[in-house]
Structure formats: structure tokens, C-alpha cells
């Protein structure tokens, strides 16, 4: 693989990550069909709603109930325990 090809692939990968991150921070269609970013309160409400067994963590199945979360699951699960804690979720959701 040439240096030029590798740089193009890295650029494409970065674009995918940025696109996924932006999509994850948005809700479903808002007024007049425009997307709006979710507030911290809305994000935490989405976490609470998705936490079906109320253990304060989301497994991969529960994460399916939060738009875009499954795509970033491994990235957000910083301790690698297969669960996203409220702290991990909040850290990922709020820059």
C-alpha cells in the first residue's frame, strides 16, 4: 500500500467516525423535518429509558434503543466490560 493510498483511507475512516458521531448526537425528525441536537437532559433520559433492567448500565441489546449507540458501543465502553455505564455514556455524549 502506498503512502498516498494509506492517507486516503485514513481520511475516509476519519470522515466515517465524524459522521457517526454527529448522527448519534441527533434525535429523530423535529419540527418541519429538521434534525435538532439532543440536550444533555434528553440524552440522559434516553439512557434511562433504554436501561430496561434498571441496573444503571446498557448492554448491546439495550443500546439498540438509543439511535446510533450500537455503532459506537465499543468506543464508548472504555473499560471493556461489555456494558456502557451512565458515566461512560455521559462522557461520550457531552464533549
PDB file of N, CA and C in Angstrom:
ATOM      1  N   UNK A   1       0.842  -1.168   0.000  1.00  0.00           N
ATOM      2  CA  UNK A   1       0.000   0.000   0.000  1.00  0.00           C
ATOM      3  C   UNK A   1       0.896   1.243   0.000  1.00  0.00           C
ATOM      4  N   UNK A   2       0.597   2.174  -0.868  1.00  0.00           N
ATOM      5  CA  UNK A   2       1.406   3.382  -0.953  1.00  0.00           C
ATOM      6  C   UNK A   2       1.005   4.361   0.137  1.00  0.00           C
ATOM      7  N   UNK A   3       1.879   5.289   0.398  1.00  0.00           N
ATOM      8  CA  UNK A   3       1.614   6.326   1.393  1.00  0.00           C
ATOM      9  C   UNK A   3       0.350   7.114   1.032  1.00  0.00           C
ATOM     10  N   UNK A   4       0.217   7.438  -0.243  1.00  0.00           N
ATOM     11  CA  UNK A   4      -0.928   8.218  -0.714  1.00  0.00           C
ATOM     12  C   UNK A   4      -2.237   7.449  -0.485  1.00  0.00           C
ATOM     13  N   UNK A   5      -2.251   6.163  -0.785  1.00  0.00           N
ATOM     14  CA  UNK A   5      -3.441   5.331  -0.581  1.00  0.00           C
ATOM     15  C   UNK A   5      -3.786   5.240   0.898  1.00  0.00           C
ATOM     16  N   UNK A   6      -2.760   5.043   1.728  1.00  0.00           N
ATOM     17  CA  UNK A   6      -2.978   4.946   3.175  1.00  0.00           C
ATOM     18  C   UNK A   6      -3.583   6.239   3.713  1.00  0.00           C
ATOM     19  N   UNK A   7      -3.103   7.395   3.266  1.00  0.00           N
ATOM     20  CA  UNK A   7      -3.631   8.693   3.702  1.00  0.00           C
ATOM     21  C   UNK A   7      -5.091   8.855   3.284  1.00  0.00           C
ATOM     22  N   UNK A   8      -5.422   8.418   2.078  1.00  0.00           N
ATOM     23  CA  UNK A   8      -6.815   8.499   1.619  1.00  0.00           C
ATOM     24  C   UNK A   8      -7.714   7.629   2.484  1.00  0.00           C
ATOM     25  N   UNK A   9      -7.239   6.433   2.821  1.00  0.00           N
ATOM     26  CA  UNK A   9      -8.031   5.533   3.651  1.00  0.00           C
ATOM     27  C   UNK A   9      -8.208   6.092   5.058  1.00  0.00           C
ATOM     28  N   UNK A  10      -7.167   6.704   5.608  1.00  0.00           N
ATOM     29  CA  UNK A  10      -7.272   7.318   6.926  1.00  0.00           C
ATOM     30  C   UNK A  10      -8.261   8.481   6.902  1.00  0.00           C
ATOM     31  N   UNK A  11      -8.234   9.260   5.842  1.00  0.00           N
ATOM     32  CA  UNK A  11      -9.184  10.363   5.700  1.00  0.00           C
ATOM     33  C   UNK A  11     -10.609   9.873   5.612  1.00  0.00           C
ATOM     34  N   UNK A  12     -10.836   8.804   4.870  1.00  0.00           N
ATOM     35  CA  UNK A  12     -12.175   8.233   4.748  1.00  0.00           C
ATOM     36  C   UNK A  12     -12.646   7.685   6.083  1.00  0.00           C
ATOM     37  N   UNK A  13     -11.765   7.026   6.812  1.00  0.00           N
ATOM     38  CA  UNK A  13     -12.125   6.485   8.129  1.00  0.00           C
ATOM     39  C   UNK A  13     -12.475   7.616   9.093  1.00  0.00           C
ATOM     40  N   UNK A  14     -11.715   8.697   9.055  1.00  0.00           N
ATOM     41  CA  UNK A  14     -11.998   9.842   9.924  1.00  0.00           C
ATOM     42  C   UNK A  14     -13.351  10.453   9.582  1.00  0.00           C
ATOM     43  N   UNK A  15     -13.682  10.534   8.313  1.00  0.00           N
ATOM     44  CA  UNK A  15     -14.974  11.075   7.895  1.00  0.00           C
ATOM     45  C   UNK A  15     -16.126  10.212   8.402  1.00  0.00           C
ATOM     46  N   UNK A  16     -15.942   8.903   8.377  1.00  0.00           N
ATOM     47  CA  UNK A  16     -16.977   7.993   8.874  1.00  0.00           C
ATOM     48  C   UNK A  16     -17.185   8.187  10.369  1.00  0.00           C
ATOM     49  N   UNK A  17     -16.102   8.292  11.129  1.00  0.00           N
ATOM     50  CA  UNK A  17     -16.208   8.491  12.573  1.00  0.00           C
ATOM     51  C   UNK A  17     -16.921   9.799  12.880  1.00  0.00           C
ATOM     52  N   UNK A  18     -16.547  10.868  12.195  1.00  0.00           N
ATOM     53  CA  UNK A  18     -17.182  12.165  12.434  1.00  0.00           C
ATOM     54  C   UNK A  18     -18.661  12.135  12.073  1.00  0.00           C
ATOM     55  N   UNK A  19     -19.004  11.495  10.974  1.00  0.00           N
ATOM     56  CA  UNK A  19     -20.398  11.404  10.555  1.00  0.00           C
ATOM     57  C   UNK A  19     -21.207  10.607  11.563  1.00  0.00           C
ATOM     58  N   UNK A  20     -20.660   9.492  12.028  1.00  0.00           N
ATOM     59  CA  UNK A  20     -21.357   8.665  13.004  1.00  0.00           C
ATOM     60  C   UNK A  20     -21.549   9.422  14.298  1.00  0.00           C
ATOM     61  N   UNK A  21     -20.529  10.136  14.750  1.00  0.00           N
ATOM     62  CA  UNK A  21     -20.619  10.902  15.993  1.00  0.00           C
ATOM     63  C   UNK A  21     -21.688  11.970  15.890  1.00  0.00           C
ATOM     64  N   UNK A  22     -21.738  12.677  14.774  1.00  0.00           N
ATOM     65  CA  UNK A  22     -22.740  13.721  14.600  1.00  0.00           C
ATOM     66  C   UNK A  22     -24.141  13.136  14.557  1.00  0.00           C
ATOM     67  N   UNK A  23     -24.302  12.012  13.893  1.00  0.00           N
ATOM     68  CA  UNK A  23     -25.618  11.387  13.808  1.00  0.00           C
ATOM     69  C   UNK A  23     -26.079  10.903  15.163  1.00  0.00           C
ATOM     70  N   UNK A  24     -25.159  10.417  15.984  1.00  0.00           N
ATOM     71  CA  UNK A  24     -25.527   9.890  17.283  1.00  0.00           C
ATOM     72  C   UNK A  24     -26.049  10.986  18.198  1.00  0.00           C
ATOM     73  N   UNK A  25     -25.579  12.209  18.023  1.00  0.00           N
ATOM     74  CA  UNK A  25     -25.972  13.314  18.888  1.00  0.00           C
ATOM     75  C   UNK A  25     -27.255  13.991  18.417  1.00  0.00           C
ATOM     76  N   UNK A  26     -27.982  13.369  17.497  1.00  0.00           N
ATOM     77  CA  UNK A  26     -29.211  13.960  16.995  1.00  0.00           C
ATOM     78  C   UNK A  26     -30.401  13.066  17.292  1.00  0.00           C
ATOM     79  N   UNK A  27     -31.567  13.696  17.431  1.00  0.00           N
ATOM     80  CA  UNK A  27     -32.801  12.961  17.674  1.00  0.00           C
ATOM     81  C   UNK A  27     -33.453  12.623  16.354  1.00  0.00           C
ATOM     82  N   UNK A  28     -34.652  12.072  16.444  1.00  0.00           N
ATOM     83  CA  UNK A  28     -35.448  11.855  15.246  1.00  0.00           C
ATOM     84  C   UNK A  28     -35.921  13.202  14.711  1.00  0.00           C
ATOM     85  N   UNK A  29     -36.669  13.173  13.659  1.00  0.00           N
ATOM     86  CA  UNK A  29     -37.067  14.404  12.993  1.00  0.00           C
ATOM     87  C   UNK A  29     -37.808  15.350  13.935  1.00  0.00           C
ATOM     88  N   UNK A  30     -37.385  16.589  13.952  1.00  0.00           N
ATOM     89  CA  UNK A  30     -38.022  17.623  14.771  1.00  0.00           C
ATOM     90  C   UNK A  30     -39.035  18.385  13.940  1.00  0.00           C
ATOM     91  N   UNK A  31     -39.422  19.577  14.378  1.00  0.00           N
ATOM     92  CA  UNK A  31     -40.398  20.387  13.657  1.00  0.00           C
ATOM     93  C   UNK A  31     -39.937  20.684  12.229  1.00  0.00           C
ATOM     94  N   UNK A  32     -40.832  20.661  11.309  1.00  0.00           N
ATOM     95  CA  UNK A  32     -40.580  20.963   9.891  1.00  0.00           C
ATOM     96  C   UNK A  32     -39.523  20.050   9.289  1.00  0.00           C
ATOM     97  N   UNK A  33     -39.345  18.860   9.867  1.00  0.00           N
ATOM     98  CA  UNK A  33     -38.438  17.870   9.300  1.00  0.00           C
ATOM     99  C   UNK A  33     -36.966  18.115   9.555  1.00  0.00           C
ATOM    100  N   UNK A  34     -36.622  19.085  10.407  1.00  0.00           N
ATOM    101  CA  UNK A  34     -35.211  19.379  10.686  1.00  0.00           C
ATOM    102  C   UNK A  34     -34.735  18.579  11.886  1.00  0.00           C
ATOM    103  N   UNK A  35     -33.496  18.089  11.809  1.00  0.00           N
ATOM    104  CA  UNK A  35     -32.909  17.406  12.955  1.00  0.00           C
ATOM    105  C   UNK A  35     -32.467  18.454  13.966  1.00  0.00           C
ATOM    106  N   UNK A  36     -32.556  18.105  15.253  1.00  0.00           N
ATOM    107  CA  UNK A  36     -32.044  19.007  16.272  1.00  0.00           C
ATOM    108  C   UNK A  36     -31.176  18.197  17.221  1.00  0.00           C
ATOM    109  N   UNK A  37     -30.123  18.809  17.712  1.00  0.00           N
ATOM    110  CA  UNK A  37     -29.232  18.121  18.641  1.00  0.00           C
ATOM    111  C   UNK A  37     -29.963  17.887  19.953  1.00  0.00           C
ATOM    112  N   UNK A  38     -29.675  16.758  20.577  1.00  0.00           N
ATOM    113  CA  UNK A  38     -30.296  16.442  21.856  1.00  0.00           C
ATOM    114  C   UNK A  38     -29.567  17.180  22.972  1.00  0.00           C
ATOM    115  N   UNK A  39     -30.325  17.650  23.953  1.00  0.00           N
ATOM    116  CA  UNK A  39     -29.717  18.282  25.117  1.00  0.00           C
ATOM    117  C   UNK A  39     -29.179  17.199  26.043  1.00  0.00           C
ATOM    118  N   UNK A  40     -28.377  17.607  27.012  1.00  0.00           N
ATOM    119  CA  UNK A  40     -27.832  16.663  27.990  1.00  0.00           C
ATOM    120  C   UNK A  40     -28.979  15.951  28.705  1.00  0.00           C
ATOM    121  N   UNK A  41     -29.997  16.681  29.057  1.00  0.00           N
ATOM    122  CA  UNK A  41     -31.157  16.104  29.756  1.00  0.00           C
ATOM    123  C   UNK A  41     -31.854  15.064  28.877  1.00  0.00           C
ATOM    124  N   UNK A  42     -32.008  15.358  27.589  1.00  0.00           N
ATOM    125  CA  UNK A  42     -32.647  14.410  26.666  1.00  0.00           C
ATOM    126  C   UNK A  42     -31.790  13.156  26.477  1.00  0.00           C
ATOM    127  N   UNK A  43     -30.464  13.346  26.405  1.00  0.00           N
ATOM    128  CA  UNK A  43     -29.575  12.195  26.261  1.00  0.00           C
ATOM    129  C   UNK A  43     -29.656  11.284  27.480  1.00  0.00           C
ATOM    130  N   UNK A  44     -29.649  11.874  28.662  1.00  0.00           N
ATOM    131  CA  UNK A  44     -29.713  11.064  29.873  1.00  0.00           C
ATOM    132  C   UNK A  44     -31.085  10.397  30.011  1.00  0.00           C
ATOM    133  N   UNK A  45     -32.137  11.051  29.556  1.00  0.00           N
ATOM    134  CA  UNK A  45     -33.470  10.440  29.558  1.00  0.00           C
ATOM    135  C   UNK A  45     -33.493   9.245  28.606  1.00  0.00           C
ATOM    136  N   UNK A  46     -32.810   9.362  27.463  1.00  0.00           N
ATOM    137  CA  UNK A  46     -32.726   8.247  26.510  1.00  0.00           C
ATOM    138  C   UNK A  46     -31.994   7.070  27.142  1.00  0.00           C
ATOM    139  N   UNK A  47     -30.931   7.343  27.900  1.00  0.00           N
ATOM    140  CA  UNK A  47     -30.195   6.286  28.598  1.00  0.00           C
ATOM    141  C   UNK A  47     -31.119   5.578  29.586  1.00  0.00           C
ATOM    142  N   UNK A  48     -31.807   6.363  30.416  1.00  0.00           N
ATOM    143  CA  UNK A  48     -32.698   5.796  31.436  1.00  0.00           C
ATOM    144  C   UNK A  48     -33.803   4.960  30.805  1.00  0.00           C
ATOM    145  N   UNK A  49     -34.368   5.453  29.722  1.00  0.00           N
ATOM    146  CA  UNK A  49     -35.430   4.717  29.039  1.00  0.00           C
ATOM    147  C   UNK A  49     -34.909   3.405  28.437  1.00  0.00           C
ATOM    148  N   UNK A  50     -33.703   3.430  27.891  1.00  0.00           N
ATOM    149  CA  UNK A  50     -33.126   2.240  27.260  1.00  0.00           C
ATOM    150  C   UNK A  50     -32.691   1.196  28.292  1.00  0.00           C
ATOM    151  N   UNK A  51     -32.413   1.623  29.519  1.00  0.00           N
ATOM    152  CA  UNK A  51     -31.946   0.722  30.579  1.00  0.00           C
ATOM    153  C   UNK A  51     -33.116  -0.121  31.091  1.00  0.00           C
ATOM    154  N   UNK A  52     -33.473  -1.146  30.323  1.00  0.00           N
ATOM    155  CA  UNK A  52     -34.668  -1.955  30.590  1.00  0.00           C
ATOM    156  C   UNK A  52     -34.649  -2.639  31.953  1.00  0.00           C
ATOM    157  N   UNK A  53     -33.489  -3.148  32.380  1.00  0.00           N
ATOM    158  CA  UNK A  53     -33.433  -3.855  33.661  1.00  0.00           C
ATOM    159  C   UNK A  53     -33.048  -2.944  34.827  1.00  0.00           C
ATOM    160  N   UNK A  54     -32.903  -1.665  34.557  1.00  0.00           N
ATOM    161  CA  UNK A  54     -32.637  -0.626  35.564  1.00  0.00           C
ATOM    162  C   UNK A  54     -31.409  -0.913  36.427  1.00  0.00           C
ATOM    163  N   UNK A  55     -30.347  -1.431  35.783  1.00  0.00           N
ATOM    164  CA  UNK A  55     -29.102  -1.699  36.516  1.00  0.00           C
ATOM    165  C   UNK A  55     -28.092  -0.561  36.390  1.00  0.00           C
ATOM    166  N   UNK A  56     -28.478   0.524  35.700  1.00  0.00           N
ATOM    167  CA  UNK A  56     -27.591   1.671  35.541  1.00  0.00           C
ATOM    168  C   UNK A  56     -26.554   1.504  34.446  1.00  0.00           C
ATOM    169  N   UNK A  57     -26.706   0.437  33.634  1.00  0.00           N
ATOM    170  CA  UNK A  57     -25.777   0.166  32.527  1.00  0.00           C
ATOM    171  C   UNK A  57     -26.582  -0.286  31.317  1.00  0.00           C
ATOM    172  N   UNK A  58     -26.001  -0.087  30.126  1.00  0.00           N
ATOM    173  CA  UNK A  58     -26.633  -0.566  28.903  1.00  0.00           C
ATOM    174  C   UNK A  58     -25.789  -1.677  28.306  1.00  0.00           C
ATOM    175  N   UNK A  59     -26.421  -2.820  28.047  1.00  0.00           N
ATOM    176  CA  UNK A  59     -25.732  -3.865  27.291  1.00  0.00           C
ATOM    177  C   UNK A  59     -26.019  -3.604  25.811  1.00  0.00           C
ATOM    178  N   UNK A  60     -25.496  -4.419  24.943  1.00  0.00           N
ATOM    179  CA  UNK A  60     -25.630  -4.182  23.499  1.00  0.00           C
ATOM    180  C   UNK A  60     -27.086  -4.217  23.044  1.00  0.00           C
ATOM    181  N   UNK A  61     -27.903  -5.071  23.652  1.00  0.00           N
ATOM    182  CA  UNK A  61     -29.320  -5.163  23.281  1.00  0.00           C
ATOM    183  C   UNK A  61     -30.058  -3.892  23.705  1.00  0.00           C
ATOM    184  N   UNK A  62     -29.811  -3.422  24.924  1.00  0.00           N
ATOM    185  CA  UNK A  62     -30.450  -2.187  25.388  1.00  0.00           C
ATOM    186  C   UNK A  62     -29.971  -0.992  24.567  1.00  0.00           C
ATOM    187  N   UNK A  63     -28.721  -1.008  24.144  1.00  0.00           N
ATOM    188  CA  UNK A  63     -28.147   0.095  23.367  1.00  0.00           C
ATOM    189  C   UNK A  63     -28.852   0.279  22.024  1.00  0.00           C
ATOM    190  N   UNK A  64     -29.471  -0.777  21.532  1.00  0.00           N
ATOM    191  CA  UNK A  64     -30.199  -0.679  20.262  1.00  0.00           C
ATOM    192  C   UNK A  64     -31.349   0.322  20.336  1.00  0.00           C
ATOM    193  N   UNK A  65     -31.777   0.675  21.532  1.00  0.00           N
ATOM    194  CA  UNK A  65     -32.882   1.616  21.718  1.00  0.00           C
ATOM    195  C   UNK A  65     -32.443   3.079  21.736  1.00  0.00           C
ATOM    196  N   UNK A  66     -31.145   3.316  21.586  1.00  0.00           N
ATOM    197  CA  UNK A  66     -30.622   4.683  21.505  1.00  0.00           C
ATOM    198  C   UNK A  66     -30.022   4.853  20.112  1.00  0.00           C
ATOM    199  N   UNK A  67     -30.588   5.739  19.287  1.00  0.00           N
ATOM    200  CA  UNK A  67     -30.114   5.895  17.908  1.00  0.00           C
ATOM    201  C   UNK A  67     -28.607   6.118  17.808  1.00  0.00           C
ATOM    202  N   UNK A  68     -27.942   5.277  16.998  1.00  0.00           N
ATOM    203  CA  UNK A  68     -26.525   5.415  16.731  1.00  0.00           C
ATOM    204  C   UNK A  68     -25.587   4.862  17.792  1.00  0.00           C
ATOM    205  N   UNK A  69     -26.108   4.396  18.921  1.00  0.00           N
ATOM    206  CA  UNK A  69     -25.249   3.955  20.016  1.00  0.00           C
ATOM    207  C   UNK A  69     -24.534   2.641  19.716  1.00  0.00           C
ATOM    208  N   UNK A  70     -25.198   1.731  19.057  1.00  0.00           N
ATOM    209  CA  UNK A  70     -24.570   0.435  18.757  1.00  0.00           C
ATOM    210  C   UNK A  70     -23.311   0.625  17.914  1.00  0.00           C
ATOM    211  N   UNK A  71     -23.348   1.552  16.978  1.00  0.00           N
ATOM    212  CA  UNK A  71     -22.197   1.801  16.107  1.00  0.00           C
ATOM    213  C   UNK A  71     -20.983   2.287  16.894  1.00  0.00           C
ATOM    214  N   UNK A  72     -21.201   2.918  18.016  1.00  0.00           N
ATOM    215  CA  UNK A  72     -20.103   3.457  18.833  1.00  0.00           C
ATOM    216  C   UNK A  72     -19.901   2.687  20.129  1.00  0.00           C
ATOM    217  N   UNK A  73     -20.574   1.552  20.291  1.00  0.00           N
ATOM    218  CA  UNK A  73     -20.600   0.829  21.554  1.00  0.00           C
ATOM    219  C   UNK A  73     -19.198   0.549  22.100  1.00  0.00           C
ATOM    220  N   UNK A  74     -18.348  -0.064  21.301  1.00  0.00           N
ATOM    221  CA  UNK A  74     -17.002  -0.427  21.775  1.00  0.00           C
ATOM    222  C   UNK A  74     -16.173   0.801  22.115  1.00  0.00           C
ATOM    223  N   UNK A  75     -16.356   1.858  21.371  1.00  0.00           N
ATOM    224  CA  UNK A  75     -15.625   3.105  21.624  1.00  0.00           C
ATOM    225  C   UNK A  75     -16.054   3.726  22.960  1.00  0.00           C
ATOM    226  N   UNK A  76     -17.342   3.690  23.259  1.00  0.00           N
ATOM    227  CA  UNK A  76     -17.871   4.304  24.480  1.00  0.00           C
ATOM    228  C   UNK A  76     -17.609   3.433  25.699  1.00  0.00           C
ATOM    229  N   UNK A  77     -17.600   2.115  25.520  1.00  0.00           N
ATOM    230  CA  UNK A  77     -17.331   1.174  26.610  1.00  0.00           C
ATOM    231  C   UNK A  77     -15.837   1.191  26.912  1.00  0.00           C
ATOM    232  N   UNK A  78     -15.384   2.241  27.561  1.00  0.00           N
ATOM    233  CA  UNK A  78     -13.953   2.460  27.767  1.00  0.00           C
ATOM    234  C   UNK A  78     -13.294   1.440  28.691  1.00  0.00           C
ATOM    235  N   UNK A  79     -14.048   0.817  29.598  1.00  0.00           N
ATOM    236  CA  UNK A  79     -13.431  -0.181  30.475  1.00  0.00           C
ATOM    237  C   UNK A  79     -13.527  -1.598  29.906  1.00  0.00           C
ATOM    238  N   UNK A  80     -14.192  -1.752  28.749  1.00  0.00           N
ATOM    239  CA  UNK A  80     -14.241  -3.028  28.043  1.00  0.00           C
ATOM    240  C   UNK A  80     -15.025  -4.126  28.729  1.00  0.00           C
ATOM    241  N   UNK A  81     -15.985  -3.753  29.596  1.00  0.00           N
ATOM    242  CA  UNK A  81     -16.748  -4.775  30.304  1.00  0.00           C
ATOM    243  C   UNK A  81     -18.003  -5.237  29.568  1.00  0.00           C
ATOM    244  N   UNK A  82     -18.212  -4.737  28.351  1.00  0.00           N
ATOM    245  CA  UNK A  82     -19.382  -5.132  27.570  1.00  0.00           C
ATOM    246  C   UNK A  82     -20.649  -4.396  27.964  1.00  0.00           C
ATOM    247  N   UNK A  83     -20.498  -3.375  28.780  1.00  0.00           N
ATOM    248  CA  UNK A  83     -21.627  -2.558  29.234  1.00  0.00           C
ATOM    249  C   UNK A  83     -21.219  -1.085  29.142  1.00  0.00           C
ATOM    250  N   UNK A  84     -22.203  -0.227  28.905  1.00  0.00           N
ATOM    251  CA  UNK A  84     -21.955   1.211  28.934  1.00  0.00           C
ATOM    252  C   UNK A  84     -22.592   1.746  30.210  1.00  0.00           C
ATOM    253  N   UNK A  85     -21.752   2.226  31.105  1.00  0.00           N
ATOM    254  CA  UNK A  85     -22.250   2.805  32.352  1.00  0.00           C
ATOM    255  C   UNK A  85     -22.799   4.199  32.072  1.00  0.00           C
ATOM    256  N   UNK A  86     -23.534   4.731  33.038  1.00  0.00           N
ATOM    257  CA  UNK A  86     -24.059   6.090  32.893  1.00  0.00           C
ATOM    258  C   UNK A  86     -22.902   7.078  32.729  1.00  0.00           C
ATOM    259  N   UNK A  87     -21.823   6.866  33.479  1.00  0.00           N
ATOM    260  CA  UNK A  87     -20.663   7.765  33.397  1.00  0.00           C
ATOM    261  C   UNK A  87     -20.012   7.700  32.020  1.00  0.00           C
ATOM    262  N   UNK A  88     -19.848   6.491  31.471  1.00  0.00           N
ATOM    263  CA  UNK A  88     -19.268   6.346  30.130  1.00  0.00           C
ATOM    264  C   UNK A  88     -20.169   7.005  29.090  1.00  0.00           C
ATOM    265  N   UNK A  89     -21.467   6.810  29.230  1.00  0.00           N
ATOM    266  CA  UNK A  89     -22.445   7.374  28.296  1.00  0.00           C
ATOM    267  C   UNK A  89     -22.391   8.902  28.350  1.00  0.00           C
ATOM    268  N   UNK A  90     -22.406   9.439  29.550  1.00  0.00           N
ATOM    269  CA  UNK A  90     -22.403  10.890  29.705  1.00  0.00           C
ATOM    270  C   UNK A  90     -21.111  11.496  29.156  1.00  0.00           C
ATOM    271  N   UNK A  91     -19.990  10.849  29.414  1.00  0.00           N
ATOM    272  CA  UNK A  91     -18.707  11.336  28.912  1.00  0.00           C
ATOM    273  C   UNK A  91     -18.689  11.352  27.384  1.00  0.00           C
ATOM    274  N   UNK A  92     -19.245  10.323  26.761  1.00  0.00           N
ATOM    275  CA  UNK A  92     -19.264  10.243  25.295  1.00  0.00           C
ATOM    276  C   UNK A  92     -20.273  11.209  24.684  1.00  0.00           C
ATOM    277  N   UNK A  93     -21.364  11.452  25.394  1.00  0.00           N
ATOM    278  CA  UNK A  93     -22.433  12.277  24.846  1.00  0.00           C
ATOM    279  C   UNK A  93     -22.149  13.761  24.997  1.00  0.00           C
ATOM    280  N   UNK A  94     -21.359  14.130  25.980  1.00  0.00           N
ATOM    281  CA  UNK A  94     -21.122  15.527  26.256  1.00  0.00           C
ATOM    282  C   UNK A  94     -19.646  15.854  26.077  1.00  0.00           C
ATOM    283  N   UNK A  95     -19.328  16.589  25.007  1.00  0.00           N
ATOM    284  CA  UNK A  95     -17.920  16.933  24.752  1.00  0.00           C
ATOM    285  C   UNK A  95     -17.342  17.842  25.807  1.00  0.00           C
TER     286      UNK A  95
END
